[in-house]
């Protein structure tokens, strides 16, 4: 299969296609065995701040390596590291092979200064973009607002399904068009990498929109949701910041045990935790 690599500013890398049809089919087949979660943003021990309210995340998610439950707050070093990352199941073999390739590409194309000591892509957030169905109406959830991935070092992004319009921005809406620093379309089966101070620290990134052209049926275990794009975001979290479920405070265990039980429906790893913890 012919591969093309677009010339980009330093710290950015894009390859399309990155995976072949057989690799893509294997990933989708595996995804169909998972139980993605609709998480709530807050919990009993982490209630909404003043002038905010409890709400669900905009899209279903799944994590590998460690699970960063929304109600525990996301990993945000140097302050936000305690009990943020809960140990989860490792990558399946076919995905680990892709991660090894991504790490090789990153180290080949980015300077050594981009990589913290011990860097490896040991964490993955799987986002499911599409439309939520409520009262027979489709509500588009195929976007994500301005944010940063605070995990140190380069980030790898693998996209499946309809292409997405991805932007790096300054984070100041009042700048209008000048807010945009760099934009690109992320195609089906493509790999995006970004690293360095500009793309990790000085700018935010967002998914402005996802096209609706492929009409692909992913047959995922997500009720009342039509998925048209799946994105794997590979990141690095130091192992010392990843906690086993048993090591976090009991009140935080209570906040996430319902999610652990749900994940245990398809994950042997989480099933063992749910069984040990006891019935609801």
C-alpha atoms as a PDB file:
ATOM      1  CA  UNK A   1       0.000   0.000   0.000  1.00  0.00           C
ATOM      2  CA  UNK A   2       1.371   3.395  -0.926  1.00  0.00           C
ATOM      3  CA  UNK A   3       2.100   5.646   2.030  1.00  0.00           C
ATOM      4  CA  UNK A   4       2.312   9.415   2.003  1.00  0.00           C
ATOM      5  CA  UNK A   5       3.803  11.711   4.636  1.00  0.00           C
ATOM      6  CA  UNK A   6       2.803  15.362   4.559  1.00  0.00           C
ATOM      7  CA  UNK A   7       5.466  18.023   5.233  1.00  0.00           C
ATOM      8  CA  UNK A   8       4.520  19.714   8.492  1.00  0.00           C
ATOM      9  CA  UNK A   9       5.979  22.188  11.019  1.00  0.00           C
ATOM     10  CA  UNK A  10       8.505  20.804  13.499  1.00  0.00           C
ATOM     11  CA  UNK A  11       6.819  18.788  16.220  1.00  0.00           C
ATOM     12  CA  UNK A  12       4.041  17.509  13.963  1.00  0.00           C
ATOM     13  CA  UNK A  13       3.944  14.284  11.980  1.00  0.00           C
ATOM     14  CA  UNK A  14       1.179  12.792   9.835  1.00  0.00           C
ATOM     15  CA  UNK A  15       1.048   9.520   7.911  1.00  0.00           C
ATOM     16  CA  UNK A  16      -1.843   8.352   5.762  1.00  0.00           C
ATOM     17  CA  UNK A  17      -2.501   5.533   5.637  1.00  0.00           C
ATOM     18  CA  UNK A  18      -0.731   4.196   8.716  1.00  0.00           C
ATOM     19  CA  UNK A  19      -2.522   0.848   9.032  1.00  0.00           C
ATOM     20  CA  UNK A  20      -3.652  -1.507   6.281  1.00  0.00           C
ATOM     21  CA  UNK A  21      -7.096  -3.019   5.781  1.00  0.00           C
ATOM     22  CA  UNK A  22      -6.340  -6.197   7.693  1.00  0.00           C
ATOM     23  CA  UNK A  23      -5.011  -4.266  10.690  1.00  0.00           C
ATOM     24  CA  UNK A  24      -8.029  -1.977  10.600  1.00  0.00           C
ATOM     25  CA  UNK A  25     -10.464  -4.908  10.494  1.00  0.00           C
ATOM     26  CA  UNK A  26      -8.707  -6.578  13.430  1.00  0.00           C
ATOM     27  CA  UNK A  27      -8.975  -3.429  15.542  1.00  0.00           C
ATOM     28  CA  UNK A  28     -12.669  -2.989  14.798  1.00  0.00           C
ATOM     29  CA  UNK A  29     -13.405  -6.641  15.542  1.00  0.00           C
ATOM     30  CA  UNK A  30     -11.706  -6.249  18.922  1.00  0.00           C
ATOM     31  CA  UNK A  31     -13.554  -2.993  19.660  1.00  0.00           C
ATOM     32  CA  UNK A  32     -16.831  -4.855  19.246  1.00  0.00           C
ATOM     33  CA  UNK A  33     -15.972  -6.933  22.331  1.00  0.00           C
ATOM     34  CA  UNK A  34     -15.592  -3.888  24.610  1.00  0.00           C
ATOM     35  CA  UNK A  35     -18.108  -2.060  26.773  1.00  0.00           C
ATOM     36  CA  UNK A  36     -17.394   1.673  26.353  1.00  0.00           C
ATOM     37  CA  UNK A  37     -18.588   3.901  29.181  1.00  0.00           C
ATOM     38  CA  UNK A  38     -20.852   6.908  29.409  1.00  0.00           C
ATOM     39  CA  UNK A  39     -19.205   8.547  32.411  1.00  0.00           C
ATOM     40  CA  UNK A  40     -20.534  11.314  34.634  1.00  0.00           C
ATOM     41  CA  UNK A  41     -18.204  14.248  35.210  1.00  0.00           C
ATOM     42  CA  UNK A  42     -18.605  14.416  38.988  1.00  0.00           C
ATOM     43  CA  UNK A  43     -19.293  12.092  41.928  1.00  0.00           C
ATOM     44  CA  UNK A  44     -20.285  12.066  45.587  1.00  0.00           C
ATOM     45  CA  UNK A  45     -16.761  12.783  46.813  1.00  0.00           C
ATOM     46  CA  UNK A  46     -16.038  15.138  43.905  1.00  0.00           C
ATOM     47  CA  UNK A  47     -19.255  17.189  43.567  1.00  0.00           C
ATOM     48  CA  UNK A  48     -19.781  19.880  40.920  1.00  0.00           C
ATOM     49  CA  UNK A  49     -18.199  23.233  41.786  1.00  0.00           C
ATOM     50  CA  UNK A  50     -20.382  26.258  42.403  1.00  0.00           C
ATOM     51  CA  UNK A  51     -22.298  27.361  39.292  1.00  0.00           C
ATOM     52  CA  UNK A  52     -21.810  23.950  37.697  1.00  0.00           C
ATOM     53  CA  UNK A  53     -23.925  20.799  37.638  1.00  0.00           C
ATOM     54  CA  UNK A  54     -23.599  17.052  37.222  1.00  0.00           C
ATOM     55  CA  UNK A  55     -23.401  16.010  33.580  1.00  0.00           C
ATOM     56  CA  UNK A  56     -22.333  13.127  31.394  1.00  0.00           C
ATOM     57  CA  UNK A  57     -19.339  13.286  29.115  1.00  0.00           C
ATOM     58  CA  UNK A  58     -20.070  14.277  25.534  1.00  0.00           C
ATOM     59  CA  UNK A  59     -19.099  10.864  24.174  1.00  0.00           C
ATOM     60  CA  UNK A  60     -18.505   7.267  25.248  1.00  0.00           C
ATOM     61  CA  UNK A  61     -14.895   6.418  26.076  1.00  0.00           C
ATOM     62  CA  UNK A  62     -12.584   3.527  26.833  1.00  0.00           C
ATOM     63  CA  UNK A  63      -9.072   3.585  28.333  1.00  0.00           C
ATOM     64  CA  UNK A  64      -6.200   1.111  28.115  1.00  0.00           C
ATOM     65  CA  UNK A  65      -3.109   0.991  30.316  1.00  0.00           C
ATOM     66  CA  UNK A  66      -4.756   3.129  32.947  1.00  0.00           C
ATOM     67  CA  UNK A  67      -8.262   4.493  33.308  1.00  0.00           C
ATOM     68  CA  UNK A  68      -8.594   8.187  34.042  1.00  0.00           C
ATOM     69  CA  UNK A  69     -12.142   8.322  35.365  1.00  0.00           C
ATOM     70  CA  UNK A  70     -13.636  11.777  34.865  1.00  0.00           C
ATOM     71  CA  UNK A  71     -14.933  12.000  38.437  1.00  0.00           C
ATOM     72  CA  UNK A  72     -11.399  11.437  39.796  1.00  0.00           C
ATOM     73  CA  UNK A  73     -10.193  14.345  37.661  1.00  0.00           C
ATOM     74  CA  UNK A  74      -7.784  13.846  34.813  1.00  0.00           C
ATOM     75  CA  UNK A  75      -4.035  13.480  35.049  1.00  0.00           C
ATOM     76  CA  UNK A  76      -2.455  16.925  35.269  1.00  0.00           C
ATOM     77  CA  UNK A  77       1.144  17.026  36.518  1.00  0.00           C
ATOM     78  CA  UNK A  78       2.767  18.318  38.570  1.00  0.00           C
ATOM     79  CA  UNK A  79      -0.141  18.936  40.969  1.00  0.00           C
ATOM     80  CA  UNK A  80      -2.791  16.564  39.637  1.00  0.00           C
ATOM     81  CA  UNK A  81      -1.125  13.168  39.925  1.00  0.00           C
ATOM     82  CA  UNK A  82      -2.479  11.563  43.107  1.00  0.00           C
ATOM     83  CA  UNK A  83      -5.108   8.831  42.540  1.00  0.00           C
ATOM     84  CA  UNK A  84      -5.917  10.103  39.033  1.00  0.00           C
ATOM     85  CA  UNK A  85      -4.840   7.048  37.008  1.00  0.00           C
ATOM     86  CA  UNK A  86      -6.231   3.615  37.874  1.00  0.00           C
ATOM     87  CA  UNK A  87      -4.459   0.574  36.451  1.00  0.00           C
ATOM     88  CA  UNK A  88      -6.390  -0.969  33.544  1.00  0.00           C
ATOM     89  CA  UNK A  89      -5.892  -3.839  31.134  1.00  0.00           C
ATOM     90  CA  UNK A  90      -2.853  -3.784  28.805  1.00  0.00           C
ATOM     91  CA  UNK A  91      -3.027  -3.404  25.050  1.00  0.00           C
ATOM     92  CA  UNK A  92      -4.048  -6.497  23.107  1.00  0.00           C
ATOM     93  CA  UNK A  93      -1.144  -7.952  21.130  1.00  0.00           C
ATOM     94  CA  UNK A  94      -2.241  -6.555  17.758  1.00  0.00           C
ATOM     95  CA  UNK A  95      -2.538  -3.050  19.188  1.00  0.00           C
ATOM     96  CA  UNK A  96       0.767  -3.265  21.056  1.00  0.00           C
ATOM     97  CA  UNK A  97       2.501  -3.978  17.734  1.00  0.00           C
ATOM     98  CA  UNK A  98       1.080  -0.723  16.359  1.00  0.00           C
ATOM     99  CA  UNK A  99       2.134   1.154  19.492  1.00  0.00           C
ATOM    100  CA  UNK A 100       5.692  -0.154  19.042  1.00  0.00           C
ATOM    101  CA  UNK A 101       5.658   1.214  15.488  1.00  0.00           C
ATOM    102  CA  UNK A 102       4.315   4.574  16.651  1.00  0.00           C
ATOM    103  CA  UNK A 103       7.034   4.872  19.301  1.00  0.00           C
ATOM    104  CA  UNK A 104       9.694   4.076  16.688  1.00  0.00           C
ATOM    105  CA  UNK A 105       8.323   6.727  14.316  1.00  0.00           C
ATOM    106  CA  UNK A 106       8.174   9.322  17.090  1.00  0.00           C
ATOM    107  CA  UNK A 107      11.780   8.738  18.150  1.00  0.00           C
ATOM    108  CA  UNK A 108      12.930   8.798  14.529  1.00  0.00           C
ATOM    109  CA  UNK A 109      11.206  12.091  13.685  1.00  0.00           C
ATOM    110  CA  UNK A 110      11.333  14.131  16.902  1.00  0.00           C
ATOM    111  CA  UNK A 111      14.405  15.437  18.800  1.00  0.00           C
ATOM    112  CA  UNK A 112      15.460  13.721  22.029  1.00  0.00           C
ATOM    113  CA  UNK A 113      14.511  16.837  24.004  1.00  0.00           C
ATOM    114  CA  UNK A 114      10.818  16.039  23.353  1.00  0.00           C
ATOM    115  CA  UNK A 115      10.983  12.802  25.362  1.00  0.00           C
ATOM    116  CA  UNK A 116      10.940  12.607  29.157  1.00  0.00           C
ATOM    117  CA  UNK A 117      12.902   9.831  30.823  1.00  0.00           C
ATOM    118  CA  UNK A 118      11.078   6.506  30.580  1.00  0.00           C
ATOM    119  CA  UNK A 119       8.711   7.708  27.835  1.00  0.00           C
ATOM    120  CA  UNK A 120       6.552   5.029  26.287  1.00  0.00           C
ATOM    121  CA  UNK A 121       2.978   5.129  25.034  1.00  0.00           C
ATOM    122  CA  UNK A 122       1.557   3.122  27.925  1.00  0.00           C
ATOM    123  CA  UNK A 123      -1.864   4.805  28.052  1.00  0.00           C
ATOM    124  CA  UNK A 124      -4.613   5.097  25.473  1.00  0.00           C
ATOM    125  CA  UNK A 125      -7.891   6.998  25.439  1.00  0.00           C
ATOM    126  CA  UNK A 126     -10.394   5.661  22.923  1.00  0.00           C
ATOM    127  CA  UNK A 127     -12.992   8.286  21.993  1.00  0.00           C
ATOM    128  CA  UNK A 128     -16.166   7.388  20.132  1.00  0.00           C
ATOM    129  CA  UNK A 129     -17.474  10.277  18.031  1.00  0.00           C
ATOM    130  CA  UNK A 130     -20.988  10.295  16.635  1.00  0.00           C
ATOM    131  CA  UNK A 131     -24.617  11.091  17.439  1.00  0.00           C
ATOM    132  CA  UNK A 132     -26.562  10.346  20.595  1.00  0.00           C
ATOM    133  CA  UNK A 133     -30.154   9.302  20.015  1.00  0.00           C
ATOM    134  CA  UNK A 134     -32.706  10.833  22.386  1.00  0.00           C
ATOM    135  CA  UNK A 135     -36.465  10.622  21.779  1.00  0.00           C
ATOM    136  CA  UNK A 136     -35.790   9.430  18.231  1.00  0.00           C
ATOM    137  CA  UNK A 137     -33.700  12.524  17.557  1.00  0.00           C
ATOM    138  CA  UNK A 138     -29.988  12.503  16.713  1.00  0.00           C
ATOM    139  CA  UNK A 139     -27.840  14.878  18.746  1.00  0.00           C
ATOM    140  CA  UNK A 140     -24.405  15.386  17.243  1.00  0.00           C
ATOM    141  CA  UNK A 141     -21.586  14.703  19.721  1.00  0.00           C
ATOM    142  CA  UNK A 142     -18.814  14.448  17.146  1.00  0.00           C
ATOM    143  CA  UNK A 143     -16.537  17.198  18.426  1.00  0.00           C
ATOM    144  CA  UNK A 144     -14.341  18.047  21.364  1.00  0.00           C
ATOM    145  CA  UNK A 145     -13.527  21.499  22.710  1.00  0.00           C
ATOM    146  CA  UNK A 146     -10.185  23.162  23.317  1.00  0.00           C
ATOM    147  CA  UNK A 147      -7.979  21.235  25.727  1.00  0.00           C
ATOM    148  CA  UNK A 148      -4.450  19.973  26.339  1.00  0.00           C
ATOM    149  CA  UNK A 149      -3.156  16.453  26.856  1.00  0.00           C
ATOM    150  CA  UNK A 150      -1.059  16.950  29.987  1.00  0.00           C
ATOM    151  CA  UNK A 151       0.679  13.594  29.868  1.00  0.00           C
ATOM    152  CA  UNK A 152       4.393  14.366  29.228  1.00  0.00           C
ATOM    153  CA  UNK A 153       6.049  13.756  25.873  1.00  0.00           C
ATOM    154  CA  UNK A 154       4.731  13.227  22.355  1.00  0.00           C
ATOM    155  CA  UNK A 155       1.164  12.050  21.755  1.00  0.00           C
ATOM    156  CA  UNK A 156       0.076   9.626  19.022  1.00  0.00           C
ATOM    157  CA  UNK A 157      -3.384   9.666  17.454  1.00  0.00           C
ATOM    158  CA  UNK A 158      -4.863   6.873  15.313  1.00  0.00           C
ATOM    159  CA  UNK A 159      -8.142   7.650  13.531  1.00  0.00           C
ATOM    160  CA  UNK A 160     -10.798   5.283  12.144  1.00  0.00           C
ATOM    161  CA  UNK A 161     -13.989   6.149  10.304  1.00  0.00           C
ATOM    162  CA  UNK A 162     -15.067   9.531   8.956  1.00  0.00           C
ATOM    163  CA  UNK A 163     -12.362  12.142   8.766  1.00  0.00           C
ATOM    164  CA  UNK A 164     -12.104  14.847  11.427  1.00  0.00           C
ATOM    165  CA  UNK A 165     -11.129  18.510  11.198  1.00  0.00           C
ATOM    166  CA  UNK A 166      -8.443  18.977  13.841  1.00  0.00           C
ATOM    167  CA  UNK A 167      -7.041  22.320  15.000  1.00  0.00           C
ATOM    168  CA  UNK A 168      -4.340  23.711  17.250  1.00  0.00           C
ATOM    169  CA  UNK A 169      -5.436  27.059  18.682  1.00  0.00           C
ATOM    170  CA  UNK A 170      -4.207  29.767  21.034  1.00  0.00           C
ATOM    171  CA  UNK A 171      -7.277  29.347  23.224  1.00  0.00           C
ATOM    172  CA  UNK A 172      -8.501  32.925  22.842  1.00  0.00           C
ATOM    173  CA  UNK A 173     -11.824  33.102  20.997  1.00  0.00           C
ATOM    174  CA  UNK A 174     -11.626  36.896  20.799  1.00  0.00           C
ATOM    175  CA  UNK A 175      -8.783  36.539  18.294  1.00  0.00           C
ATOM    176  CA  UNK A 176     -11.191  35.207  15.677  1.00  0.00           C
ATOM    177  CA  UNK A 177      -9.354  33.607  12.751  1.00  0.00           C
ATOM    178  CA  UNK A 178      -6.024  34.482  14.379  1.00  0.00           C
ATOM    179  CA  UNK A 179      -6.868  32.041  17.169  1.00  0.00           C
ATOM    180  CA  UNK A 180      -6.084  29.175  14.802  1.00  0.00           C
ATOM    181  CA  UNK A 181      -2.425  28.126  14.734  1.00  0.00           C
ATOM    182  CA  UNK A 182      -2.641  25.022  12.537  1.00  0.00           C
ATOM    183  CA  UNK A 183      -5.426  22.891  11.038  1.00  0.00           C
ATOM    184  CA  UNK A 184      -5.534  19.548   9.274  1.00  0.00           C
ATOM    185  CA  UNK A 185      -7.940  16.773   8.329  1.00  0.00           C
ATOM    186  CA  UNK A 186      -7.336  13.432  10.030  1.00  0.00           C
ATOM    187  CA  UNK A 187      -8.271  10.658   7.620  1.00  0.00           C
ATOM    188  CA  UNK A 188      -9.453   7.107   8.215  1.00  0.00           C
ATOM    189  CA  UNK A 189      -6.501   4.823   9.171  1.00  0.00           C
ATOM    190  CA  UNK A 190      -4.131   7.774   9.607  1.00  0.00           C
ATOM    191  CA  UNK A 191      -1.537   8.474  12.286  1.00  0.00           C
ATOM    192  CA  UNK A 192      -0.924  11.907  13.775  1.00  0.00           C
ATOM    193  CA  UNK A 193       1.919  12.679  16.188  1.00  0.00           C
ATOM    194  CA  UNK A 194       2.557  15.908  18.033  1.00  0.00           C
ATOM    195  CA  UNK A 195       5.240  16.870  20.528  1.00  0.00           C
ATOM    196  CA  UNK A 196       7.357  19.750  21.718  1.00  0.00           C
ATOM    197  CA  UNK A 197       6.589  22.925  23.622  1.00  0.00           C
ATOM    198  CA  UNK A 198       4.435  24.640  20.978  1.00  0.00           C
ATOM    199  CA  UNK A 199       1.981  21.801  20.405  1.00  0.00           C
ATOM    200  CA  UNK A 200       1.933  20.348  23.928  1.00  0.00           C
ATOM    201  CA  UNK A 201       2.181  23.428  26.154  1.00  0.00           C
ATOM    202  CA  UNK A 202       1.620  26.684  24.285  1.00  0.00           C
ATOM    203  CA  UNK A 203      -1.437  25.717  22.250  1.00  0.00           C
ATOM    204  CA  UNK A 204      -4.696  23.885  22.806  1.00  0.00           C
ATOM    205  CA  UNK A 205      -6.194  21.411  20.359  1.00  0.00           C
ATOM    206  CA  UNK A 206      -9.745  20.513  19.393  1.00  0.00           C
ATOM    207  CA  UNK A 207     -11.858  18.526  16.962  1.00  0.00           C
ATOM    208  CA  UNK A 208     -14.088  21.058  15.234  1.00  0.00           C
ATOM    209  CA  UNK A 209     -16.228  18.572  13.349  1.00  0.00           C
ATOM    210  CA  UNK A 210     -16.397  15.074  11.946  1.00  0.00           C
ATOM    211  CA  UNK A 211     -17.773  14.411   8.498  1.00  0.00           C
ATOM    212  CA  UNK A 212     -20.711  12.088   7.962  1.00  0.00           C
ATOM    213  CA  UNK A 213     -20.004  10.379   4.638  1.00  0.00           C
ATOM    214  CA  UNK A 214     -18.837   6.811   5.181  1.00  0.00           C
ATOM    215  CA  UNK A 215     -22.034   5.492   6.853  1.00  0.00           C
ATOM    216  CA  UNK A 216     -20.034   2.695   8.436  1.00  0.00           C
ATOM    217  CA  UNK A 217     -21.742   0.431  10.978  1.00  0.00           C
ATOM    218  CA  UNK A 218     -19.141  -0.323  13.649  1.00  0.00           C
ATOM    219  CA  UNK A 219     -21.556  -2.616  15.598  1.00  0.00           C
ATOM    220  CA  UNK A 220     -20.295  -1.458  18.975  1.00  0.00           C
ATOM    221  CA  UNK A 221     -21.796  -2.103  22.412  1.00  0.00           C
ATOM    222  CA  UNK A 222     -23.017   1.465  22.873  1.00  0.00           C
ATOM    223  CA  UNK A 223     -26.760   1.915  23.298  1.00  0.00           C
ATOM    224  CA  UNK A 224     -28.541   4.838  21.651  1.00  0.00           C
ATOM    225  CA  UNK A 225     -25.410   6.070  19.903  1.00  0.00           C
ATOM    226  CA  UNK A 226     -24.299   6.020  16.273  1.00  0.00           C
ATOM    227  CA  UNK A 227     -20.499   6.027  16.000  1.00  0.00           C
ATOM    228  CA  UNK A 228     -18.922   7.469  12.877  1.00  0.00           C
ATOM    229  CA  UNK A 229     -15.353   8.050  14.085  1.00  0.00           C
ATOM    230  CA  UNK A 230     -13.116   6.251  16.576  1.00  0.00           C
ATOM    231  CA  UNK A 231      -9.888   7.817  17.781  1.00  0.00           C
ATOM    232  CA  UNK A 232      -7.067   6.240  19.774  1.00  0.00           C
ATOM    233  CA  UNK A 233      -4.917   8.790  21.602  1.00  0.00           C
ATOM    234  CA  UNK A 234      -1.708   7.215  22.907  1.00  0.00           C
ATOM    235  CA  UNK A 235       0.080   8.953  25.778  1.00  0.00           C
ATOM    236  CA  UNK A 236       2.693   8.453  28.500  1.00  0.00           C
ATOM    237  CA  UNK A 237       1.999   8.321  32.236  1.00  0.00           C
ATOM    238  CA  UNK A 238       4.903   7.440  34.570  1.00  0.00           C
ATOM    239  CA  UNK A 239       4.244   4.065  36.167  1.00  0.00           C
ATOM    240  CA  UNK A 240       4.619   5.541  39.657  1.00  0.00           C
ATOM    241  CA  UNK A 241       1.507   7.630  38.994  1.00  0.00           C
ATOM    242  CA  UNK A 242      -0.673   4.626  38.046  1.00  0.00           C
ATOM    243  CA  UNK A 243      -2.486   3.128  41.030  1.00  0.00           C
ATOM    244  CA  UNK A 244      -4.142  -0.267  41.488  1.00  0.00           C
ATOM    245  CA  UNK A 245      -7.801   0.051  42.439  1.00  0.00           C
ATOM    246  CA  UNK A 246      -7.090  -1.261  45.946  1.00  0.00           C
ATOM    247  CA  UNK A 247      -4.563   1.536  46.600  1.00  0.00           C
ATOM    248  CA  UNK A 248      -6.939   4.493  46.216  1.00  0.00           C
ATOM    249  CA  UNK A 249      -9.035   5.846  49.120  1.00  0.00           C
ATOM    250  CA  UNK A 250     -12.283   4.030  49.870  1.00  0.00           C
ATOM    251  CA  UNK A 251     -14.478   7.018  49.017  1.00  0.00           C
ATOM    252  CA  UNK A 252     -12.920   7.133  45.545  1.00  0.00           C
ATOM    253  CA  UNK A 253     -13.396   3.387  45.175  1.00  0.00           C
ATOM    254  CA  UNK A 254     -17.078   3.954  45.871  1.00  0.00           C
ATOM    255  CA  UNK A 255     -17.203   6.710  43.262  1.00  0.00           C
ATOM    256  CA  UNK A 256     -16.018   4.429  40.464  1.00  0.00           C
ATOM    257  CA  UNK A 257     -17.098   0.924  41.465  1.00  0.00           C
ATOM    258  CA  UNK A 258     -20.240   1.149  39.325  1.00  0.00           C
ATOM    259  CA  UNK A 259     -17.997   1.804  36.328  1.00  0.00           C
ATOM    260  CA  UNK A 260     -15.717  -1.067  37.300  1.00  0.00           C
ATOM    261  CA  UNK A 261     -18.707  -3.423  37.339  1.00  0.00           C
ATOM    262  CA  UNK A 262     -19.846  -2.181  33.939  1.00  0.00           C
ATOM    263  CA  UNK A 263     -16.390  -2.650  32.464  1.00  0.00           C
ATOM    264  CA  UNK A 264     -16.274  -6.117  33.998  1.00  0.00           C
ATOM    265  CA  UNK A 265     -19.047  -7.208  31.634  1.00  0.00           C
ATOM    266  CA  UNK A 266     -16.460  -7.493  28.865  1.00  0.00           C
ATOM    267  CA  UNK A 267     -13.088  -7.123  30.604  1.00  0.00           C
ATOM    268  CA  UNK A 268     -11.589  -9.998  32.596  1.00  0.00           C
ATOM    269  CA  UNK A 269      -9.267  -7.511  34.271  1.00  0.00           C
ATOM    270  CA  UNK A 270     -12.097  -5.386  35.649  1.00  0.00           C
ATOM    271  CA  UNK A 271     -14.287  -8.406  36.308  1.00  0.00           C
ATOM    272  CA  UNK A 272     -11.713  -9.665  38.804  1.00  0.00           C
ATOM    273  CA  UNK A 273     -11.778  -6.329  40.623  1.00  0.00           C
ATOM    274  CA  UNK A 274     -15.585  -6.199  40.663  1.00  0.00           C
ATOM    275  CA  UNK A 275     -15.794  -9.782  41.958  1.00  0.00           C
ATOM    276  CA  UNK A 276     -13.263  -9.094  44.703  1.00  0.00           C
ATOM    277  CA  UNK A 277     -15.072  -5.949  45.758  1.00  0.00           C
ATOM    278  CA  UNK A 278     -18.363  -7.832  46.108  1.00  0.00           C
ATOM    279  CA  UNK A 279     -21.907  -7.563  44.707  1.00  0.00           C
ATOM    280  CA  UNK A 280     -23.714  -4.200  44.381  1.00  0.00           C
END
